Amino acid sequence: PRRLLVGAPWDGDGQGDVYKCRVGPPNATCAKANLGSAAPWLVPFPGHSVHLGMTLLDSKDGGFVACAPLWSQECGTSLFSTGICARLDGDLRPVGTIAPTAQRCSTYMDIVIVLDGSNSIYPWYEVQNFLSNILSKFFIGPGQIQV
């Protein structure tokens, strides 16, 4: 019989889950994976939403992978997401987890600004305003632009 996988990322108080449904016959039923109770290690932070089932991938061994983003990281104008994935067999049994690695922002440049105290540039508050305006245009942080 043909089956359809349905991700339900908001099921179970935001933990998410996956359903496997029969396709075709009237009154077809769906089986729930119950990922939260069957595999409690998939919820790394109890009480937090995980949203498993947001992404579903087919696996070569007849099973599938259900993924959930956990957090996002801003990297300049890009947004990288990381999370956790559960590997399930064809009978909806969890057989392992996959934790995608966090993507690291690449350093765009290093900026060095040298100002002396000789008082040749004045008034000093205008220099501070100028530097503040320029630096506010850059994405400064660990692994990004360093000043």
C-alpha atoms as a PDB file:
ATOM      1  CA  PRO A   1       0.000   0.000   0.000  1.00  0.00           C
ATOM      2  CA  ARG A   2       1.077   3.542  -0.718  1.00  0.00           C
ATOM      3  CA  ARG A   3       1.859   5.757   2.255  1.00  0.00           C
ATOM      4  CA  LEU A   4       2.194   9.497   2.785  1.00  0.00           C
ATOM      5  CA  LEU A   5       4.354  11.167   5.448  1.00  0.00           C
ATOM      6  CA  VAL A   6       2.868  14.271   7.029  1.00  0.00           C
ATOM      7  CA  GLY A   7       4.944  16.605   9.190  1.00  0.00           C
ATOM      8  CA  ALA A   8       3.092  18.217  12.092  1.00  0.00           C
ATOM      9  CA  PRO A   9       5.609  20.683  13.583  1.00  0.00           C
ATOM     10  CA  TRP A  10       3.102  22.229  16.014  1.00  0.00           C
ATOM     11  CA  ASP A  11       1.772  18.916  17.344  1.00  0.00           C
ATOM     12  CA  GLY A  12       2.359  17.989  20.994  1.00  0.00           C
ATOM     13  CA  ASP A  13       2.882  21.422  22.568  1.00  0.00           C
ATOM     14  CA  GLY A  14       5.297  22.543  19.876  1.00  0.00           C
ATOM     15  CA  GLN A  15       7.481  19.423  20.013  1.00  0.00           C
ATOM     16  CA  GLY A  16       6.253  18.405  16.622  1.00  0.00           C
ATOM     17  CA  ASP A  17       5.603  14.953  15.249  1.00  0.00           C
ATOM     18  CA  VAL A  18       5.219  12.954  12.068  1.00  0.00           C
ATOM     19  CA  TYR A  19       2.251  10.935  10.788  1.00  0.00           C
ATOM     20  CA  LYS A  20       2.343   8.078   8.284  1.00  0.00           C
ATOM     21  CA  CYS A  21      -0.954   7.822   6.411  1.00  0.00           C
ATOM     22  CA  ARG A  22      -2.329   5.248   3.983  1.00  0.00           C
ATOM     23  CA  VAL A  23      -3.258   6.697   0.602  1.00  0.00           C
ATOM     24  CA  GLY A  24      -6.287   5.620  -1.364  1.00  0.00           C
ATOM     25  CA  PRO A  25      -8.933   3.762   0.632  1.00  0.00           C
ATOM     26  CA  PRO A  26     -11.774   5.708   2.231  1.00  0.00           C
ATOM     27  CA  ASN A  27     -11.471   6.097   6.002  1.00  0.00           C
ATOM     28  CA  ALA A  28      -7.684   5.641   5.740  1.00  0.00           C
ATOM     29  CA  THR A  29      -5.902   5.922   9.059  1.00  0.00           C
ATOM     30  CA  CYS A  30      -2.719   7.679  10.041  1.00  0.00           C
ATOM     31  CA  ALA A  31      -0.135   6.354  12.492  1.00  0.00           C
ATOM     32  CA  LYS A  32       1.596   8.865  14.751  1.00  0.00           C
ATOM     33  CA  ALA A  33       5.331   8.516  15.465  1.00  0.00           C
ATOM     34  CA  ASN A  34       5.053   9.983  19.008  1.00  0.00           C
ATOM     35  CA  LEU A  35       8.579  11.327  18.771  1.00  0.00           C
ATOM     36  CA  GLY A  36       8.455  13.135  22.128  1.00  0.00           C
ATOM     37  CA  SER A  37       7.651  10.007  24.152  1.00  0.00           C
ATOM     38  CA  ALA A  38       9.373   7.435  21.923  1.00  0.00           C
ATOM     39  CA  ALA A  39      12.613   9.406  21.746  1.00  0.00           C
ATOM     40  CA  PRO A  40      12.869  11.891  24.641  1.00  0.00           C
ATOM     41  CA  TRP A  41      16.472  12.693  23.673  1.00  0.00           C
ATOM     42  CA  LEU A  42      15.049  14.575  20.691  1.00  0.00           C
ATOM     43  CA  VAL A  43      13.834  17.334  22.994  1.00  0.00           C
ATOM     44  CA  PRO A  44      17.151  18.733  24.246  1.00  0.00           C
ATOM     45  CA  PHE A  45      15.572  21.572  26.230  1.00  0.00           C
ATOM     46  CA  PRO A  46      12.431  20.408  28.082  1.00  0.00           C
ATOM     47  CA  GLY A  47       9.675  22.995  27.984  1.00  0.00           C
ATOM     48  CA  HIS A  48      10.973  24.601  24.781  1.00  0.00           C
ATOM     49  CA  SER A  49       9.386  24.233  21.378  1.00  0.00           C
ATOM     50  CA  VAL A  50      11.357  22.058  18.957  1.00  0.00           C
ATOM     51  CA  HIS A  51       8.956  21.641  15.983  1.00  0.00           C
ATOM     52  CA  LEU A  52      10.099  18.237  14.684  1.00  0.00           C
ATOM     53  CA  GLY A  53       8.561  17.431  11.332  1.00  0.00           C
ATOM     54  CA  MET A  54       9.118  20.870   9.884  1.00  0.00           C
ATOM     55  CA  THR A  55      11.424  19.225   7.347  1.00  0.00           C
ATOM     56  CA  LEU A  56      11.091  15.637   6.074  1.00  0.00           C
ATOM     57  CA  LEU A  57      13.721  13.837   4.008  1.00  0.00           C
ATOM     58  CA  ASP A  58      13.560  10.410   2.410  1.00  0.00           C
ATOM     59  CA  SER A  59      16.194   7.916   3.550  1.00  0.00           C
ATOM     60  CA  LYS A  60      17.751   5.225   1.358  1.00  0.00           C
ATOM     61  CA  ASP A  61      16.983   2.428   3.841  1.00  0.00           C
ATOM     62  CA  GLY A  62      13.185   2.812   3.613  1.00  0.00           C
ATOM     63  CA  GLY A  63      12.969   5.185   6.569  1.00  0.00           C
ATOM     64  CA  PHE A  64      13.087   8.945   6.684  1.00  0.00           C
ATOM     65  CA  VAL A  65      14.557  11.899   8.539  1.00  0.00           C
ATOM     66  CA  ALA A  66      12.444  14.495  10.379  1.00  0.00           C
ATOM     67  CA  CYS A  67      14.160  17.758  11.256  1.00  0.00           C
ATOM     68  CA  ALA A  68      13.470  20.797  13.417  1.00  0.00           C
ATOM     69  CA  PRO A  69      15.325  24.091  13.581  1.00  0.00           C
ATOM     70  CA  LEU A  70      16.396  25.055  17.101  1.00  0.00           C
ATOM     71  CA  TRP A  71      17.878  28.484  16.692  1.00  0.00           C
ATOM     72  CA  SER A  72      19.098  30.866  14.051  1.00  0.00           C
ATOM     73  CA  GLN A  73      22.273  32.851  13.895  1.00  0.00           C
ATOM     74  CA  GLU A  74      22.595  36.164  12.113  1.00  0.00           C
ATOM     75  CA  CYS A  75      25.671  36.466   9.936  1.00  0.00           C
ATOM     76  CA  GLY A  76      25.769  39.835   8.257  1.00  0.00           C
ATOM     77  CA  THR A  77      22.727  39.908   6.003  1.00  0.00           C
ATOM     78  CA  SER A  78      22.365  36.093   6.078  1.00  0.00           C
ATOM     79  CA  LEU A  79      20.527  33.942   8.600  1.00  0.00           C
ATOM     80  CA  PHE A  80      21.849  30.439   9.334  1.00  0.00           C
ATOM     81  CA  SER A  81      19.678  27.894  11.133  1.00  0.00           C
ATOM     82  CA  THR A  82      20.785  24.841  13.027  1.00  0.00           C
ATOM     83  CA  GLY A  83      18.714  22.201  14.743  1.00  0.00           C
ATOM     84  CA  ILE A  84      18.219  18.518  15.360  1.00  0.00           C
ATOM     85  CA  CYS A  85      17.030  15.696  13.122  1.00  0.00           C
ATOM     86  CA  ALA A  86      15.599  12.292  13.975  1.00  0.00           C
ATOM     87  CA  ARG A  87      16.202   9.227  11.802  1.00  0.00           C
ATOM     88  CA  LEU A  88      13.183   6.902  11.771  1.00  0.00           C
ATOM     89  CA  ASP A  89      12.722   3.530  10.172  1.00  0.00           C
ATOM     90  CA  GLY A  90       9.766   2.642   7.948  1.00  0.00           C
ATOM     91  CA  ASP A  91       7.717   1.670  11.035  1.00  0.00           C
ATOM     92  CA  LEU A  92       8.147   5.132  12.625  1.00  0.00           C
ATOM     93  CA  ARG A  93      10.675   3.906  15.208  1.00  0.00           C
ATOM     94  CA  PRO A  94      13.462   6.378  16.045  1.00  0.00           C
ATOM     95  CA  VAL A  95      16.841   4.867  15.201  1.00  0.00           C
ATOM     96  CA  GLY A  96      19.109   7.833  15.842  1.00  0.00           C
ATOM     97  CA  THR A  97      19.616  11.557  15.774  1.00  0.00           C
ATOM     98  CA  ILE A  98      21.577  13.890  13.582  1.00  0.00           C
ATOM     99  CA  ALA A  99      22.627  17.325  14.777  1.00  0.00           C
ATOM    100  CA  PRO A 100      23.664  19.513  11.848  1.00  0.00           C
ATOM    101  CA  THR A 101      26.745  21.547  12.642  1.00  0.00           C
ATOM    102  CA  ALA A 102      26.422  25.241  13.250  1.00  0.00           C
ATOM    103  CA  GLN A 103      27.592  27.321  10.350  1.00  0.00           C
ATOM    104  CA  ARG A 104      30.280  29.815  11.167  1.00  0.00           C
ATOM    105  CA  CYS A 105      30.283  33.346   9.854  1.00  0.00           C
ATOM    106  CA  SER A 106      33.405  34.060   7.893  1.00  0.00           C
ATOM    107  CA  THR A 107      35.380  37.144   8.833  1.00  0.00           C
ATOM    108  CA  TYR A 108      34.810  39.796   6.249  1.00  0.00           C
ATOM    109  CA  MET A 109      37.679  42.087   7.230  1.00  0.00           C
ATOM    110  CA  ASP A 110      39.713  43.485  10.048  1.00  0.00           C
ATOM    111  CA  ILE A 111      39.571  47.265  10.520  1.00  0.00           C
ATOM    112  CA  VAL A 112      42.204  49.255  12.389  1.00  0.00           C
ATOM    113  CA  ILE A 113      41.541  52.904  13.201  1.00  0.00           C
ATOM    114  CA  VAL A 114      44.395  54.882  14.728  1.00  0.00           C
ATOM    115  CA  LEU A 115      43.773  58.247  16.385  1.00  0.00           C
ATOM    116  CA  ASP A 116      46.392  60.130  18.301  1.00  0.00           C
ATOM    117  CA  GLY A 117      45.883  62.527  21.158  1.00  0.00           C
ATOM    118  CA  SER A 118      47.841  65.419  19.640  1.00  0.00           C
ATOM    119  CA  ASN A 119      44.686  67.507  19.387  1.00  0.00           C
ATOM    120  CA  SER A 120      45.254  68.057  15.659  1.00  0.00           C
ATOM    121  CA  ILE A 121      41.704  66.863  15.007  1.00  0.00           C
ATOM    122  CA  TYR A 122      39.061  68.829  16.780  1.00  0.00           C
ATOM    123  CA  PRO A 123      36.422  69.174  18.019  1.00  0.00           C
ATOM    124  CA  TRP A 124      36.734  65.664  19.481  1.00  0.00           C
ATOM    125  CA  TYR A 125      32.950  65.001  19.644  1.00  0.00           C
ATOM    126  CA  GLU A 126      32.751  65.347  15.826  1.00  0.00           C
ATOM    127  CA  VAL A 127      35.458  62.711  15.459  1.00  0.00           C
ATOM    128  CA  GLN A 128      33.539  60.421  17.797  1.00  0.00           C
ATOM    129  CA  ASN A 129      30.292  60.986  15.862  1.00  0.00           C
ATOM    130  CA  PHE A 130      32.088  60.314  12.553  1.00  0.00           C
ATOM    131  CA  LEU A 131      33.555  57.035  13.842  1.00  0.00           C
ATOM    132  CA  SER A 132      30.240  55.975  15.369  1.00  0.00           C
ATOM    133  CA  ASN A 133      28.392  56.614  12.085  1.00  0.00           C
ATOM    134  CA  ILE A 134      30.935  54.661  10.019  1.00  0.00           C
ATOM    135  CA  LEU A 135      31.127  51.700  12.406  1.00  0.00           C
ATOM    136  CA  SER A 136      27.336  51.431  12.649  1.00  0.00           C
ATOM    137  CA  LYS A 137      27.282  50.441   8.962  1.00  0.00           C
ATOM    138  CA  PHE A 138      29.311  47.249   9.581  1.00  0.00           C
ATOM    139  CA  PHE A 139      28.342  43.884  11.093  1.00  0.00           C
ATOM    140  CA  ILE A 140      30.788  43.748  13.982  1.00  0.00           C
ATOM    141  CA  GLY A 141      31.061  40.606  16.060  1.00  0.00           C
ATOM    142  CA  PRO A 142      32.973  37.384  16.715  1.00  0.00           C
ATOM    143  CA  GLY A 143      33.712  35.657  13.427  1.00  0.00           C
ATOM    144  CA  GLN A 144      32.605  38.704  11.454  1.00  0.00           C
ATOM    145  CA  ILE A 145      34.182  42.143  11.128  1.00  0.00           C
ATOM    146  CA  GLN A 146      36.729  42.949  13.804  1.00  0.00           C
ATOM    147  CA  VAL A 147      37.590  46.547  14.688  1.00  0.00           C
END
